Amino acid sequence: MEERNSDNIKKLLLQYITGTIEEEDLEILTRWRQESTRHEELFQRLIAKDFLQKSRERCVLSPQEAEKEWKQIRQRTFRKRRIRWQRFFRYAALFVLPLCLCLVWLKQKQDHLPLDPFVQDIEVIKTTAPILTLSDGRHIPLETGAAEEIRSAHSSILRTGDTLRYTLAESPDTIIRYNTLTIPKGNDYHLMLSDGSVVYLNTSSRLRYPVRFSGKTREVELLGEGYFDVKHDPDHPFIVKTKDVAVKVLGTSFNVRAYQEEEAIYTTLVEGRVEVRNQQSEVILSPSQQAVCTPEGRNIDVQTVNTDYYVGWISGRFIFNNTRLDDILTRLQQWYNFEVFYEKEELKDLPFSLNIDKHKDFSHILNALERTERVRFSIKDKTVVVKND
């Protein structure tokens, strides 16, 4: 029975990769992925573009390559898990040979998918550097370069690469002074606040925060997306405020996505506990839970998720799982320089999964989507035209 089930899963994986899987079979595959973390990690590695490229070149992984693949999985996972290597290799081996047959077919198909020459014109937007606005009104561009120290009357800020680190100057001043860090498209940045909490800011985001925390709470204001690793301090709760939601924690790791152009606000908890509150209600999240708030909704929807999908951007990856094409392209627009036009409205709802380095050329991402043979792209004056295959 177990062997027949394994054969069925292999068949569904091949259908998924080739874009031929039916809706009822997709539900079976989704349930299999949700059965264990091991299933999900294997699935993500099998559909990853880098893995497919390697398998096309050589349809067998050497022990050294398999070890490298597994290390990459562990590096992208926040919690350390002890998993026996031999068990993983035996499990992964069930899929390598049938995948080879599929990948040979994919290679033949790919040879007939010419890359639109204009795709190369779509680039990561880095026309401006992140901007640090000090409480005294100074605007400091955070250009890439050597380490430097930014001094003010109330703090010293060490800038190293794409990281800011605050140290406080001795001062009897009790006035709360705010700095603002603005991240334009095509950038991301790290910030260590004065209390030791670390914030990762995603592209097209802004964080307003006190130079020195004072009072009973530690409050910051976020527009866009940020991952927070909060320093534990039960006497001074840490609060992240967005346009409609407040997230309150004592010490934990979580992600908040609250872009102005998106209606919903997503709070995803990795470790610890957080309280999410809007004007009508509040919920307390446990690890691997996500709160979804919409402007018109009084209740806060809570769901269990794979957190890697929502925090993968920290490690420099775009990760999507059965995500609408329109949602994928909306996310990509925050990083790359393009507009979108759909020849047919129904194309917006096509689901795709993707796991790719966000620093790759835009053409790599479009090619990965095109290989499903469900959609095609062309470029006209920085506009991505989406059409049927």
Protein backbone atom coordinates (compact mmCIF):
# COMPACT_ATOMS: atom_id res chain seq x y z
CA MET A 1 0.00 0.00 0.00
CA GLU A 2 2.81 2.38 0.95
CA GLU A 3 4.66 1.63 -2.31
CA ARG A 4 1.56 2.33 -4.41
CA ASN A 5 1.05 5.60 -2.54
CA SER A 6 4.67 6.56 -3.21
CA ASP A 7 4.23 5.83 -6.93
CA ASN A 8 1.11 7.98 -6.98
CA ILE A 9 2.91 10.91 -5.31
CA LYS A 10 5.74 10.64 -7.83
CA LYS A 11 3.22 10.79 -10.64
CA LEU A 12 1.53 13.84 -9.13
CA LEU A 13 4.88 15.57 -8.71
CA LEU A 14 5.67 15.05 -12.38
CA GLN A 15 2.27 16.39 -13.35
CA TYR A 16 2.76 19.40 -11.08
CA ILE A 17 6.15 20.26 -12.59
CA THR A 18 4.83 19.94 -16.15
CA GLY A 19 1.70 21.95 -15.35
CA THR A 20 -0.70 19.10 -16.20
CA ILE A 21 -2.02 18.30 -12.74
CA GLU A 22 -5.80 18.28 -12.26
CA GLU A 23 -7.50 20.17 -9.43
CA GLU A 24 -8.50 17.05 -7.48
CA ASP A 25 -4.96 15.64 -7.80
CA LEU A 26 -3.54 18.98 -6.66
CA GLU A 27 -5.58 18.62 -3.45
CA ILE A 28 -4.06 15.15 -2.87
CA LEU A 29 -0.55 16.51 -3.40
CA THR A 30 -1.26 19.45 -1.08
CA ARG A 31 -2.42 17.10 1.69
CA TRP A 32 0.73 15.02 1.26
CA ARG A 33 2.87 18.17 1.60
CA GLN A 34 1.05 19.13 4.78
CA GLU A 35 1.59 15.72 6.41
CA SER A 36 5.14 16.54 7.50
CA THR A 37 7.86 19.15 7.24
CA ARG A 38 9.99 16.54 5.47
CA HIS A 39 7.44 16.27 2.65
CA GLU A 40 7.25 20.02 2.21
CA GLU A 41 11.01 20.54 2.20
CA LEU A 42 11.46 17.80 -0.38
CA PHE A 43 8.71 19.32 -2.55
CA GLN A 44 10.32 22.76 -2.47
CA ARG A 45 13.71 21.39 -3.42
CA LEU A 46 12.27 19.36 -6.29
CA ILE A 47 10.48 22.33 -7.85
CA ALA A 48 13.30 24.80 -7.24
CA LYS A 49 14.78 26.11 -10.47
CA ASP A 50 18.37 25.39 -9.44
CA PHE A 51 17.53 21.76 -8.71
CA LEU A 52 15.81 21.34 -12.08
CA GLN A 53 18.80 22.78 -13.90
CA LYS A 54 21.22 20.42 -12.16
CA SER A 55 18.98 17.43 -12.81
CA ARG A 56 18.73 18.23 -16.51
CA GLU A 57 22.50 18.19 -16.79
CA ARG A 58 23.02 15.02 -14.76
CA CYS A 59 20.04 12.92 -13.76
CA VAL A 60 21.74 11.53 -10.65
CA LEU A 61 22.88 13.43 -7.60
CA SER A 62 26.23 12.40 -6.17
CA PRO A 63 26.41 12.05 -2.36
CA GLN A 64 28.32 15.35 -2.26
CA GLU A 65 25.65 17.15 -4.28
CA ALA A 66 22.85 15.64 -2.22
CA GLU A 67 24.60 16.81 0.94
CA LYS A 68 24.89 20.30 -0.53
CA GLU A 69 21.18 20.35 -1.42
CA TRP A 70 20.20 19.31 2.09
CA LYS A 71 22.46 21.95 3.65
CA GLN A 72 20.67 24.59 1.60
CA ILE A 73 17.37 23.40 3.03
CA ARG A 74 18.70 23.63 6.56
CA GLN A 75 20.13 27.12 5.97
CA ARG A 76 16.71 28.39 4.87
CA THR A 77 14.99 26.90 7.89
CA PHE A 78 14.84 29.08 11.01
CA ARG A 79 14.62 26.27 13.54
CA LYS A 80 17.38 23.68 13.71
CA ARG A 81 16.04 20.21 13.14
CA ARG A 82 17.86 16.92 13.66
CA ILE A 83 17.05 14.71 10.70
CA ARG A 84 18.98 11.59 9.79
CA TRP A 85 20.77 12.14 6.50
CA GLN A 86 20.44 8.55 5.36
CA ARG A 87 16.69 8.71 5.81
CA PHE A 88 16.46 11.80 3.62
CA PHE A 89 18.64 10.31 0.89
CA ARG A 90 16.58 7.11 0.77
CA TYR A 91 13.41 9.16 0.57
CA ALA A 92 14.70 11.59 -2.08
CA ALA A 93 16.00 8.72 -4.21
CA LEU A 94 12.43 7.60 -4.84
CA PHE A 95 11.92 10.73 -6.92
CA VAL A 96 15.22 11.27 -8.75
CA LEU A 97 14.84 8.68 -11.54
CA PRO A 98 11.25 9.50 -12.58
CA LEU A 99 12.06 13.19 -12.37
CA CYS A 100 14.92 12.66 -14.81
CA LEU A 101 12.48 11.41 -17.44
CA CYS A 102 10.32 14.45 -16.82
CA LEU A 103 13.26 16.84 -16.96
CA VAL A 104 14.46 15.47 -20.28
CA TRP A 105 10.99 16.23 -21.62
CA LEU A 106 11.13 19.70 -20.06
CA LYS A 107 14.50 20.35 -21.70
CA GLN A 108 13.09 19.46 -25.09
CA LYS A 109 10.16 21.78 -24.53
CA GLN A 110 12.39 24.58 -23.26
CA ASP A 111 14.40 24.49 -26.48
CA HIS A 112 11.25 25.63 -28.27
CA LEU A 113 10.60 28.56 -25.91
CA PRO A 114 12.66 31.44 -27.28
CA LEU A 115 13.38 34.21 -24.82
CA ASP A 116 11.88 37.54 -25.76
CA PRO A 117 14.95 39.80 -26.30
CA PHE A 118 13.21 42.68 -24.54
CA VAL A 119 12.97 40.69 -21.30
CA GLN A 120 16.56 41.65 -20.56
CA ASP A 121 15.44 45.30 -20.28
CA ILE A 122 13.58 44.57 -17.05
CA GLU A 123 16.02 45.16 -14.21
CA VAL A 124 16.08 45.49 -10.47
CA ILE A 125 15.26 49.07 -9.55
CA LYS A 126 18.09 50.64 -7.58
CA THR A 127 17.87 54.20 -8.80
CA THR A 128 18.08 55.53 -5.27
CA ALA A 129 19.72 54.26 -2.10
CA PRO A 130 17.87 53.70 1.18
CA ILE A 131 17.40 56.96 3.06
CA LEU A 132 17.90 57.50 6.78
CA THR A 133 16.01 60.57 8.01
CA LEU A 134 17.30 61.77 11.39
CA SER A 135 15.22 63.49 14.04
CA ASP A 136 16.96 66.79 13.23
CA GLY A 137 15.67 66.63 9.64
CA ARG A 138 18.86 65.48 7.91
CA HIS A 139 18.47 62.99 5.06
CA ILE A 140 21.38 60.58 4.72
CA PRO A 141 21.60 58.30 1.63
CA LEU A 142 22.87 54.88 2.63
CA GLU A 143 25.05 54.23 -0.40
CA THR A 144 26.95 50.97 -0.67
CA GLY A 145 30.45 51.51 0.62
CA ALA A 146 32.81 51.21 3.53
CA ALA A 147 31.66 51.27 7.14
CA GLU A 148 30.99 54.68 8.61
CA GLU A 149 29.67 56.22 11.81
CA ILE A 150 26.71 58.59 11.72
CA ARG A 151 26.66 60.84 14.75
CA SER A 152 23.91 62.96 16.23
CA ALA A 153 23.43 64.67 19.57
CA HIS A 154 21.56 61.69 20.97
CA SER A 155 23.02 58.59 19.32
CA SER A 156 25.78 57.04 17.32
CA ILE A 157 24.85 54.88 14.33
CA LEU A 158 27.33 52.46 12.80
CA ARG A 159 26.62 51.63 9.15
CA THR A 160 28.21 48.49 7.76
CA GLY A 161 27.13 47.39 4.30
CA ASP A 162 23.34 47.06 4.44
CA THR A 163 23.06 47.19 8.24
CA LEU A 164 22.52 50.02 10.75
CA ARG A 165 23.39 49.54 14.41
CA TYR A 166 22.43 52.05 17.13
CA THR A 167 24.39 52.90 20.26
CA LEU A 168 23.06 55.53 22.65
CA ALA A 169 24.94 58.56 23.83
CA GLU A 170 24.69 59.43 27.51
CA SER A 171 22.07 62.16 27.78
CA PRO A 172 19.57 63.38 30.40
CA ASP A 173 17.18 64.23 27.54
CA THR A 174 13.85 62.40 27.99
CA ILE A 175 12.22 63.64 24.78
CA ILE A 176 11.35 60.82 22.38
CA ARG A 177 13.06 61.53 19.05
CA TYR A 178 12.25 59.55 15.92
CA ASN A 179 14.34 58.46 12.97
CA THR A 180 12.86 57.04 9.77
CA LEU A 181 14.43 54.43 7.48
CA THR A 182 12.99 54.38 3.94
CA ILE A 183 13.75 51.48 1.60
CA PRO A 184 13.09 52.15 -2.12
CA LYS A 185 12.37 49.51 -4.74
CA GLY A 186 15.09 46.97 -5.43
CA ASN A 187 16.62 47.25 -1.95
CA ASP A 188 16.33 45.70 1.49
CA TYR A 189 18.05 46.63 4.74
CA HIS A 190 18.83 45.50 8.30
CA LEU A 191 18.47 47.64 11.39
CA MET A 192 19.45 46.99 15.01
CA LEU A 193 17.44 49.24 17.31
CA SER A 194 18.77 50.75 20.52
CA ASP A 195 17.20 47.97 22.63
CA GLY A 196 18.96 45.24 20.63
CA SER A 197 15.92 44.22 18.56
CA VAL A 198 16.69 43.50 14.91
CA VAL A 199 14.45 44.55 12.01
CA TYR A 200 14.77 43.35 8.41
CA LEU A 201 13.04 45.78 6.05
CA ASN A 202 11.89 44.58 2.67
CA THR A 203 11.77 46.58 -0.56
CA SER A 204 9.40 49.57 -0.80
CA SER A 205 9.08 49.85 2.99
CA ARG A 206 9.41 52.49 5.68
CA LEU A 207 10.00 52.22 9.44
CA ARG A 208 9.62 55.09 11.91
CA TYR A 209 11.22 54.33 15.28
CA PRO A 210 12.51 56.08 18.41
CA VAL A 211 16.22 56.71 18.71
CA ARG A 212 15.82 55.82 22.38
CA PHE A 213 12.86 53.85 23.72
CA SER A 214 11.16 55.53 26.68
CA GLY A 215 8.07 54.75 28.72
CA LYS A 216 6.20 51.51 29.28
CA THR A 217 6.21 50.30 25.66
CA ARG A 218 8.55 50.12 22.69
CA GLU A 219 6.60 51.31 19.64
CA VAL A 220 7.55 51.51 15.96
CA GLU A 221 5.48 52.32 12.85
CA LEU A 222 5.72 50.20 9.70
CA LEU A 223 4.60 50.77 6.13
CA GLY A 224 5.52 47.88 3.84
CA GLU A 225 7.09 44.66 5.08
CA GLY A 226 9.38 43.91 7.98
CA TYR A 227 10.66 40.88 9.85
CA PHE A 228 11.22 41.52 13.57
CA ASP A 229 13.47 39.65 15.97
CA VAL A 230 12.51 41.36 19.22
CA LYS A 231 14.72 41.56 22.28
CA HIS A 232 12.93 39.99 25.23
CA ASP A 233 11.73 42.55 27.77
CA PRO A 234 8.46 41.60 29.51
CA ASP A 235 8.30 44.97 31.31
CA HIS A 236 8.32 46.90 28.03
CA PRO A 237 6.19 45.23 25.33
CA PHE A 238 7.23 45.82 21.72
CA ILE A 239 4.43 47.13 19.47
CA VAL A 240 4.44 47.35 15.67
CA LYS A 241 1.81 49.75 14.34
CA THR A 242 0.57 49.66 10.74
CA LYS A 243 -2.26 51.48 8.96
CA ASP A 244 -5.01 49.39 10.65
CA VAL A 245 -3.32 46.85 12.90
CA ALA A 246 -1.16 46.76 16.03
CA VAL A 247 1.05 43.75 16.81
CA LYS A 248 2.14 43.45 20.46
CA VAL A 249 4.95 41.14 21.62
CA LEU A 250 7.29 40.59 24.54
CA GLY A 251 10.13 38.87 22.72
CA THR A 252 9.73 36.85 19.56
CA SER A 253 10.29 36.56 15.78
CA PHE A 254 7.55 37.48 13.34
CA ASN A 255 6.84 39.04 9.95
CA VAL A 256 4.41 41.87 9.19
CA ARG A 257 3.34 42.70 5.64
CA ALA A 258 1.35 45.94 5.34
CA TYR A 259 1.89 47.56 1.95
CA GLN A 260 -0.28 50.57 1.17
CA GLU A 261 -1.36 49.19 -2.22
CA GLU A 262 -2.50 45.90 -0.67
CA GLU A 263 -5.75 45.71 1.28
CA ALA A 264 -4.86 42.83 3.59
CA ILE A 265 -2.30 42.98 6.39
CA TYR A 266 -0.48 39.72 7.17
CA THR A 267 1.19 38.92 10.48
CA THR A 268 3.13 35.64 10.44
CA LEU A 269 4.59 34.26 13.66
CA VAL A 270 7.83 32.26 13.52
CA GLU A 271 8.64 31.96 17.24
CA GLY A 272 7.09 33.08 20.52
CA ARG A 273 3.62 34.63 20.86
CA VAL A 274 2.09 37.84 19.55
CA GLU A 275 -1.17 39.66 19.98
CA VAL A 276 -2.71 41.08 16.79
CA ARG A 277 -5.37 43.74 17.22
CA ASN A 278 -7.52 45.86 14.91
CA GLN A 279 -10.37 48.20 15.79
CA GLN A 280 -12.90 45.40 16.23
CA SER A 281 -11.09 42.37 17.65
CA GLU A 282 -7.84 40.79 18.72
CA VAL A 283 -6.21 37.35 18.51
CA ILE A 284 -3.13 35.68 19.99
CA LEU A 285 -0.95 33.74 17.57
CA SER A 286 1.14 30.63 18.18
CA PRO A 287 4.18 29.69 16.05
CA SER A 288 3.37 28.93 12.38
CA GLN A 289 0.10 30.85 12.57
CA GLN A 290 -0.79 33.85 10.44
CA ALA A 291 -3.33 36.60 11.10
CA VAL A 292 -5.00 38.20 8.06
CA CYS A 293 -6.71 41.55 8.54
CA THR A 294 -8.73 43.38 5.88
CA PRO A 295 -10.11 46.93 6.16
CA GLU A 296 -13.73 45.85 5.85
CA GLY A 297 -13.41 42.79 8.08
CA ARG A 298 -14.28 42.97 11.73
CA ASN A 299 -12.82 39.59 12.56
CA ILE A 300 -9.19 38.59 12.14
CA ASP A 301 -8.73 35.40 10.17
CA VAL A 302 -6.14 33.00 11.60
CA GLN A 303 -4.57 30.18 9.58
CA THR A 304 -1.68 27.76 9.97
CA VAL A 305 1.03 28.30 7.34
CA ASN A 306 4.52 27.26 6.34
CA THR A 307 6.41 30.31 7.54
CA ASP A 308 9.19 29.81 4.99
CA TYR A 309 6.84 31.07 2.29
CA TYR A 310 6.45 34.39 4.11
CA VAL A 311 9.96 35.02 5.40
CA GLY A 312 12.01 33.59 2.53
CA TRP A 313 12.70 37.14 1.34
CA ILE A 314 15.07 37.58 4.30
CA SER A 315 17.45 35.04 2.76
CA GLY A 316 17.08 36.64 -0.67
CA ARG A 317 14.47 34.41 -2.27
CA PHE A 318 11.06 34.72 -3.86
CA ILE A 319 8.97 31.82 -2.57
CA PHE A 320 5.39 31.29 -3.72
CA ASN A 321 3.15 28.28 -3.13
CA ASN A 322 0.04 27.82 -5.30
CA THR A 323 -0.13 31.60 -5.54
CA ARG A 324 -2.24 33.55 -8.04
CA LEU A 325 -0.20 34.88 -10.94
CA ASP A 326 -1.50 38.39 -10.29
CA ASP A 327 -0.29 38.23 -6.68
CA ILE A 328 3.12 36.95 -7.81
CA LEU A 329 3.58 39.73 -10.35
CA THR A 330 2.41 42.32 -7.83
CA ARG A 331 5.14 41.17 -5.45
CA LEU A 332 7.72 41.22 -8.24
CA GLN A 333 6.74 44.80 -9.16
CA GLN A 334 8.00 45.92 -5.76
CA TRP A 335 11.47 44.73 -6.78
CA TYR A 336 11.64 45.01 -10.57
CA ASN A 337 10.77 47.88 -12.90
CA PHE A 338 7.69 46.91 -14.93
CA GLU A 339 3.94 47.24 -15.40
CA VAL A 340 1.54 44.39 -16.21
CA PHE A 341 -1.16 43.91 -18.84
CA TYR A 342 -3.29 40.76 -19.07
CA GLU A 343 -4.78 39.75 -22.42
CA LYS A 344 -7.43 37.80 -20.48
CA GLU A 345 -8.64 38.49 -16.96
CA GLU A 346 -8.77 34.79 -16.07
CA LEU A 347 -4.99 34.58 -16.41
CA LYS A 348 -4.68 36.51 -13.14
CA ASP A 349 -6.03 33.54 -11.19
CA LEU A 350 -3.65 30.88 -12.53
CA PRO A 351 -1.79 29.31 -9.54
CA PHE A 352 1.97 28.87 -9.58
CA SER A 353 4.71 27.80 -7.17
CA LEU A 354 8.13 29.39 -7.37
CA ASN A 355 11.34 29.31 -5.36
CA ILE A 356 14.07 31.46 -6.90
CA ASP A 357 16.86 33.89 -6.00
CA LYS A 358 15.40 37.39 -6.09
CA HIS A 359 18.72 38.79 -7.32
CA LYS A 360 18.45 36.80 -10.55
CA ASP A 361 17.66 38.53 -13.83
CA PHE A 362 13.96 39.04 -14.36
CA SER A 363 14.15 36.77 -17.41
CA HIS A 364 14.93 33.78 -15.15
CA ILE A 365 11.64 34.25 -13.31
CA LEU A 366 9.56 34.65 -16.47
CA ASN A 367 11.21 31.59 -17.98
CA ALA A 368 10.42 29.56 -14.85
CA LEU A 369 6.75 30.50 -15.17
CA GLU A 370 6.68 29.88 -18.91
CA ARG A 371 8.01 26.34 -18.52
CA THR A 372 4.65 25.32 -17.08
CA GLU A 373 3.27 25.96 -20.61
CA ARG A 374 0.21 27.63 -19.13
CA VAL A 375 1.26 31.20 -19.81
CA ARG A 376 3.52 33.27 -22.05
CA PHE A 377 5.06 36.74 -21.65
CA SER A 378 6.20 39.51 -23.95
CA ILE A 379 7.63 42.92 -23.13
CA LYS A 380 6.48 46.24 -24.57
CA ASP A 381 7.96 49.46 -23.20
CA LYS A 382 8.56 48.09 -19.71
CA THR A 383 5.11 46.46 -19.69
CA VAL A 384 4.86 42.70 -19.23
CA VAL A 385 2.08 41.37 -21.45
CA VAL A 386 0.59 38.14 -20.09
CA LYS A 387 -1.11 35.81 -22.57
CA ASN A 388 -2.09 32.20 -23.08
CA ASP A 389 0.63 29.74 -24.01
